[in-house]
């Protein structure tokens, strides 16, 4: 019994280390998003950190329009990055979880 428990604990620690490594790797995964007309381009990492913003000169003439573009495009980029982040971390976590009856956390 204790051997099984120790094995499970070891597997959980290994999985935790893999999850942390995956999160670190996601710092170098880039997601690009652009407005529909291409006037604003944003790049974020898989960890949802903004890496770059490219704004067309045309948008700099209208503060309100620029703000609208930033909100829409940033939200789309962050949503995509969040989906990538969650999928990657969940895959690693599911792979390393011990089989505990009644504890199917990742269906």
N, C-alpha and C. Protein backbone atom coordinates (compact mmCIF):
# COMPACT_ATOMS: atom_id res chain seq x y z
N UNK A 1 0.82 -1.20 0.00
CA UNK A 1 0.00 0.00 0.00
C UNK A 1 0.87 1.26 0.00
N UNK A 2 1.88 1.28 0.91
CA UNK A 2 2.72 2.47 0.98
C UNK A 2 3.58 2.62 -0.26
N UNK A 3 3.96 1.49 -0.87
CA UNK A 3 4.72 1.55 -2.12
C UNK A 3 3.90 2.22 -3.21
N UNK A 4 2.61 1.88 -3.28
CA UNK A 4 1.73 2.51 -4.26
C UNK A 4 1.61 4.00 -3.99
N UNK A 5 1.46 4.35 -2.72
CA UNK A 5 1.32 5.76 -2.34
C UNK A 5 2.60 6.52 -2.67
N UNK A 6 3.74 5.93 -2.38
CA UNK A 6 5.01 6.59 -2.68
C UNK A 6 5.20 6.72 -4.19
N UNK A 7 4.79 5.71 -4.92
CA UNK A 7 4.87 5.76 -6.38
C UNK A 7 4.00 6.87 -6.94
N UNK A 8 2.79 6.98 -6.39
CA UNK A 8 1.87 8.04 -6.83
C UNK A 8 2.43 9.42 -6.52
N UNK A 9 3.00 9.55 -5.33
CA UNK A 9 3.56 10.85 -4.94
C UNK A 9 4.72 11.23 -5.87
N UNK A 10 5.55 10.24 -6.20
CA UNK A 10 6.66 10.49 -7.11
C UNK A 10 6.16 10.90 -8.48
N UNK A 11 5.10 10.23 -8.94
CA UNK A 11 4.53 10.55 -10.25
C UNK A 11 3.92 11.96 -10.24
N UNK A 12 3.28 12.32 -9.13
CA UNK A 12 2.71 13.67 -9.02
C UNK A 12 3.80 14.74 -9.05
N UNK A 13 4.92 14.50 -8.37
CA UNK A 13 6.02 15.46 -8.40
C UNK A 13 6.60 15.57 -9.80
N UNK A 14 6.72 14.43 -10.48
CA UNK A 14 7.23 14.44 -11.85
C UNK A 14 6.29 15.23 -12.76
N UNK A 15 5.00 15.02 -12.59
CA UNK A 15 4.00 15.73 -13.39
C UNK A 15 4.07 17.22 -13.11
N UNK A 16 4.21 17.59 -11.86
CA UNK A 16 4.30 19.01 -11.50
C UNK A 16 5.51 19.65 -12.18
N UNK A 17 6.62 18.94 -12.22
CA UNK A 17 7.81 19.47 -12.88
C UNK A 17 7.57 19.62 -14.38
N UNK A 18 6.86 18.66 -14.99
CA UNK A 18 6.56 18.75 -16.42
C UNK A 18 5.62 19.91 -16.72
N UNK A 19 4.65 20.14 -15.83
CA UNK A 19 3.73 21.27 -16.01
C UNK A 19 4.51 22.59 -15.95
N UNK A 20 5.41 22.70 -14.99
CA UNK A 20 6.22 23.92 -14.88
C UNK A 20 7.10 24.11 -16.11
N UNK A 21 7.67 23.02 -16.62
CA UNK A 21 8.50 23.11 -17.83
C UNK A 21 7.64 23.54 -19.02
N UNK A 22 6.42 23.04 -19.10
CA UNK A 22 5.52 23.42 -20.18
C UNK A 22 5.19 24.91 -20.09
N UNK A 23 4.92 25.39 -18.89
CA UNK A 23 4.64 26.82 -18.72
C UNK A 23 5.83 27.67 -19.15
N UNK A 24 7.03 27.21 -18.83
CA UNK A 24 8.23 27.94 -19.22
C UNK A 24 8.38 27.94 -20.75
N UNK A 25 8.12 26.79 -21.38
CA UNK A 25 8.20 26.68 -22.83
C UNK A 25 7.20 27.60 -23.52
N UNK A 26 6.03 27.80 -22.89
CA UNK A 26 5.00 28.65 -23.48
C UNK A 26 5.42 30.11 -23.58
N UNK A 27 6.49 30.48 -22.87
CA UNK A 27 7.03 31.84 -23.02
C UNK A 27 7.61 32.06 -24.41
N UNK A 28 7.96 30.98 -25.10
CA UNK A 28 8.54 31.11 -26.44
C UNK A 28 7.56 30.69 -27.54
N UNK A 29 6.31 30.45 -27.17
CA UNK A 29 5.27 30.16 -28.16
C UNK A 29 4.55 31.47 -28.43
N UNK A 30 4.55 31.90 -29.71
CA UNK A 30 3.95 33.18 -30.05
C UNK A 30 2.65 33.00 -30.82
N UNK A 31 1.65 33.79 -30.43
CA UNK A 31 0.35 33.81 -31.09
C UNK A 31 0.18 35.20 -31.68
N UNK A 32 -0.04 35.24 -32.99
CA UNK A 32 -0.24 36.50 -33.69
C UNK A 32 -1.72 36.74 -33.94
N UNK A 33 -2.14 37.96 -33.75
CA UNK A 33 -3.53 38.36 -34.01
C UNK A 33 -3.49 39.72 -34.69
N UNK A 34 -4.40 39.91 -35.64
CA UNK A 34 -4.48 41.18 -36.35
C UNK A 34 -5.93 41.60 -36.48
N UNK A 35 -6.16 42.89 -36.57
CA UNK A 35 -7.50 43.38 -36.84
C UNK A 35 -7.90 42.91 -38.24
N UNK A 36 -9.18 42.92 -38.53
CA UNK A 36 -9.66 42.38 -39.81
C UNK A 36 -9.06 43.12 -41.01
N UNK A 37 -8.74 44.40 -40.85
CA UNK A 37 -8.15 45.16 -41.96
C UNK A 37 -6.63 45.25 -41.88
N UNK A 38 -6.04 44.60 -40.88
CA UNK A 38 -4.59 44.56 -40.76
C UNK A 38 -3.93 45.83 -40.25
N UNK A 39 -4.72 46.77 -39.76
CA UNK A 39 -4.14 48.03 -39.28
C UNK A 39 -3.49 47.89 -37.90
N UNK A 40 -3.84 46.83 -37.18
CA UNK A 40 -3.28 46.59 -35.86
C UNK A 40 -2.87 45.13 -35.77
N UNK A 41 -1.63 44.89 -35.36
CA UNK A 41 -1.12 43.52 -35.22
C UNK A 41 -0.54 43.37 -33.82
N UNK A 42 -0.90 42.25 -33.18
CA UNK A 42 -0.46 42.01 -31.81
C UNK A 42 0.12 40.60 -31.72
N UNK A 43 1.21 40.46 -30.98
CA UNK A 43 1.79 39.15 -30.71
C UNK A 43 1.83 38.95 -29.20
N UNK A 44 1.32 37.80 -28.75
CA UNK A 44 1.36 37.44 -27.33
C UNK A 44 2.01 36.07 -27.20
N UNK A 45 2.50 35.76 -26.01
CA UNK A 45 3.07 34.44 -25.76
C UNK A 45 1.96 33.48 -25.32
N UNK A 46 2.30 32.20 -25.28
CA UNK A 46 1.38 31.20 -24.78
C UNK A 46 1.02 31.40 -23.32
N UNK A 47 1.78 32.22 -22.63
CA UNK A 47 1.49 32.57 -21.24
C UNK A 47 0.76 33.91 -21.13
N UNK A 48 0.25 34.39 -22.25
CA UNK A 48 -0.59 35.59 -22.33
C UNK A 48 0.15 36.89 -22.03
N UNK A 49 1.44 36.93 -22.30
CA UNK A 49 2.21 38.16 -22.15
C UNK A 49 2.32 38.83 -23.52
N UNK A 50 2.08 40.12 -23.57
CA UNK A 50 2.14 40.86 -24.83
C UNK A 50 3.62 41.03 -25.22
N UNK A 51 3.96 40.61 -26.44
CA UNK A 51 5.33 40.72 -26.94
C UNK A 51 5.50 41.90 -27.88
N UNK A 52 4.48 42.17 -28.71
CA UNK A 52 4.62 43.31 -29.62
C UNK A 52 3.25 43.80 -30.06
N UNK A 53 3.24 45.10 -30.40
CA UNK A 53 2.04 45.75 -30.95
C UNK A 53 2.52 46.60 -32.12
N UNK A 54 1.92 46.37 -33.28
CA UNK A 54 2.24 47.14 -34.48
C UNK A 54 0.99 47.91 -34.89
N UNK A 55 1.07 49.24 -34.84
CA UNK A 55 -0.08 50.10 -35.12
C UNK A 55 0.18 50.88 -36.41
N UNK A 56 -0.77 50.80 -37.33
CA UNK A 56 -0.68 51.56 -38.57
C UNK A 56 -0.78 53.05 -38.27
N UNK A 57 -0.09 53.85 -39.05
CA UNK A 57 -0.15 55.31 -38.92
C UNK A 57 -1.59 55.80 -39.04
N UNK A 58 -2.40 55.14 -39.86
CA UNK A 58 -3.81 55.54 -40.05
C UNK A 58 -4.58 55.53 -38.74
N UNK A 59 -4.28 54.56 -37.88
CA UNK A 59 -5.01 54.46 -36.61
C UNK A 59 -4.59 55.53 -35.60
N UNK A 60 -3.42 56.09 -35.77
CA UNK A 60 -2.92 57.08 -34.82
C UNK A 60 -3.65 58.42 -34.93
N UNK A 61 -4.44 58.57 -35.97
CA UNK A 61 -5.17 59.82 -36.17
C UNK A 61 -6.46 59.89 -35.34
N UNK A 62 -6.96 58.74 -34.91
CA UNK A 62 -8.26 58.69 -34.22
C UNK A 62 -8.12 57.87 -32.93
N UNK A 63 -8.02 58.58 -31.81
CA UNK A 63 -7.81 57.94 -30.51
C UNK A 63 -8.90 56.92 -30.18
N UNK A 64 -10.16 57.27 -30.39
CA UNK A 64 -11.26 56.36 -30.07
C UNK A 64 -11.20 55.09 -30.91
N UNK A 65 -10.94 55.25 -32.19
CA UNK A 65 -10.84 54.09 -33.07
C UNK A 65 -9.68 53.19 -32.65
N UNK A 66 -8.55 53.79 -32.32
CA UNK A 66 -7.39 53.02 -31.86
C UNK A 66 -7.73 52.24 -30.59
N UNK A 67 -8.39 52.88 -29.65
CA UNK A 67 -8.78 52.20 -28.42
C UNK A 67 -9.68 51.01 -28.71
N UNK A 68 -10.66 51.20 -29.62
CA UNK A 68 -11.56 50.09 -29.99
C UNK A 68 -10.78 48.95 -30.62
N UNK A 69 -9.88 49.27 -31.53
CA UNK A 69 -9.06 48.26 -32.17
C UNK A 69 -8.23 47.50 -31.15
N UNK A 70 -7.61 48.23 -30.22
CA UNK A 70 -6.77 47.60 -29.20
C UNK A 70 -7.59 46.64 -28.34
N UNK A 71 -8.75 47.07 -27.91
CA UNK A 71 -9.59 46.22 -27.06
C UNK A 71 -9.98 44.95 -27.79
N UNK A 72 -10.49 45.08 -29.00
CA UNK A 72 -10.95 43.91 -29.76
C UNK A 72 -9.80 42.95 -30.08
N UNK A 73 -8.71 43.50 -30.58
CA UNK A 73 -7.61 42.65 -31.02
C UNK A 73 -6.87 42.03 -29.84
N UNK A 74 -6.66 42.79 -28.79
CA UNK A 74 -6.02 42.23 -27.60
C UNK A 74 -6.87 41.11 -26.98
N UNK A 75 -8.17 41.32 -26.90
CA UNK A 75 -9.03 40.28 -26.34
C UNK A 75 -8.98 39.00 -27.17
N UNK A 76 -8.97 39.13 -28.50
CA UNK A 76 -8.87 37.94 -29.35
C UNK A 76 -7.53 37.24 -29.15
N UNK A 77 -6.45 38.01 -29.08
CA UNK A 77 -5.12 37.42 -28.91
C UNK A 77 -5.00 36.73 -27.56
N UNK A 78 -5.50 37.36 -26.51
CA UNK A 78 -5.42 36.78 -25.17
C UNK A 78 -6.28 35.52 -25.08
N UNK A 79 -7.44 35.52 -25.73
CA UNK A 79 -8.29 34.33 -25.73
C UNK A 79 -7.59 33.17 -26.43
N UNK A 80 -6.99 33.43 -27.58
CA UNK A 80 -6.26 32.37 -28.29
C UNK A 80 -5.10 31.84 -27.45
N UNK A 81 -4.35 32.75 -26.84
CA UNK A 81 -3.22 32.35 -26.00
C UNK A 81 -3.70 31.54 -24.80
N UNK A 82 -4.82 31.94 -24.22
CA UNK A 82 -5.38 31.20 -23.09
C UNK A 82 -5.77 29.79 -23.49
N UNK A 83 -6.35 29.64 -24.68
CA UNK A 83 -6.73 28.31 -25.16
C UNK A 83 -5.51 27.42 -25.36
N UNK A 84 -4.45 27.99 -25.95
CA UNK A 84 -3.21 27.24 -26.14
C UNK A 84 -2.62 26.85 -24.79
N UNK A 85 -2.56 27.79 -23.87
CA UNK A 85 -2.00 27.55 -22.54
C UNK A 85 -2.76 26.43 -21.82
N UNK A 86 -4.07 26.54 -21.78
CA UNK A 86 -4.87 25.55 -21.08
C UNK A 86 -4.73 24.16 -21.70
N UNK A 87 -4.74 24.09 -23.03
CA UNK A 87 -4.63 22.80 -23.71
C UNK A 87 -3.27 22.15 -23.43
N UNK A 88 -2.21 22.92 -23.50
CA UNK A 88 -0.87 22.39 -23.28
C UNK A 88 -0.69 21.89 -21.84
N UNK A 89 -1.08 22.71 -20.88
CA UNK A 89 -0.92 22.34 -19.48
C UNK A 89 -1.82 21.16 -19.12
N UNK A 90 -3.06 21.15 -19.63
CA UNK A 90 -3.97 20.04 -19.34
C UNK A 90 -3.45 18.73 -19.92
N UNK A 91 -2.87 18.78 -21.12
CA UNK A 91 -2.34 17.56 -21.74
C UNK A 91 -1.21 16.97 -20.90
N UNK A 92 -0.31 17.81 -20.43
CA UNK A 92 0.80 17.34 -19.61
C UNK A 92 0.29 16.82 -18.27
N UNK A 93 -0.64 17.54 -17.66
CA UNK A 93 -1.16 17.13 -16.37
C UNK A 93 -1.91 15.81 -16.47
N UNK A 94 -2.72 15.65 -17.51
CA UNK A 94 -3.50 14.42 -17.68
C UNK A 94 -2.58 13.24 -17.90
N UNK A 95 -1.53 13.44 -18.70
CA UNK A 95 -0.58 12.38 -19.01
C UNK A 95 0.09 11.84 -17.75
N UNK A 96 0.34 12.71 -16.79
CA UNK A 96 1.10 12.30 -15.61
C UNK A 96 0.28 11.97 -14.39
N UNK A 97 -1.02 12.10 -14.48
CA UNK A 97 -1.86 11.83 -13.30
C UNK A 97 -1.96 10.33 -13.04
N UNK A 98 -1.78 9.92 -11.79
CA UNK A 98 -1.97 8.51 -11.48
C UNK A 98 -3.44 8.14 -11.60
N UNK A 99 -3.71 6.88 -11.85
CA UNK A 99 -5.08 6.41 -12.00
C UNK A 99 -5.67 6.15 -10.62
N UNK A 100 -6.41 7.12 -10.13
CA UNK A 100 -7.05 6.99 -8.81
C UNK A 100 -8.55 6.83 -9.06
N UNK A 101 -9.13 5.71 -8.66
CA UNK A 101 -10.56 5.48 -8.91
C UNK A 101 -11.41 6.63 -8.35
N UNK A 102 -12.36 7.10 -9.17
CA UNK A 102 -13.26 8.16 -8.75
C UNK A 102 -12.67 9.54 -8.87
N UNK A 103 -11.44 9.66 -9.36
CA UNK A 103 -10.78 10.97 -9.45
C UNK A 103 -10.43 11.28 -10.91
N UNK A 104 -11.35 11.04 -11.83
CA UNK A 104 -11.09 11.34 -13.23
C UNK A 104 -11.32 12.84 -13.43
N UNK A 105 -10.25 13.62 -13.22
CA UNK A 105 -10.34 15.07 -13.26
C UNK A 105 -10.36 15.63 -14.68
N UNK A 106 -9.81 14.87 -15.62
CA UNK A 106 -9.68 15.35 -17.00
C UNK A 106 -10.46 14.44 -17.93
N UNK A 107 -11.70 14.75 -18.17
CA UNK A 107 -12.52 13.92 -19.05
C UNK A 107 -12.49 14.45 -20.44
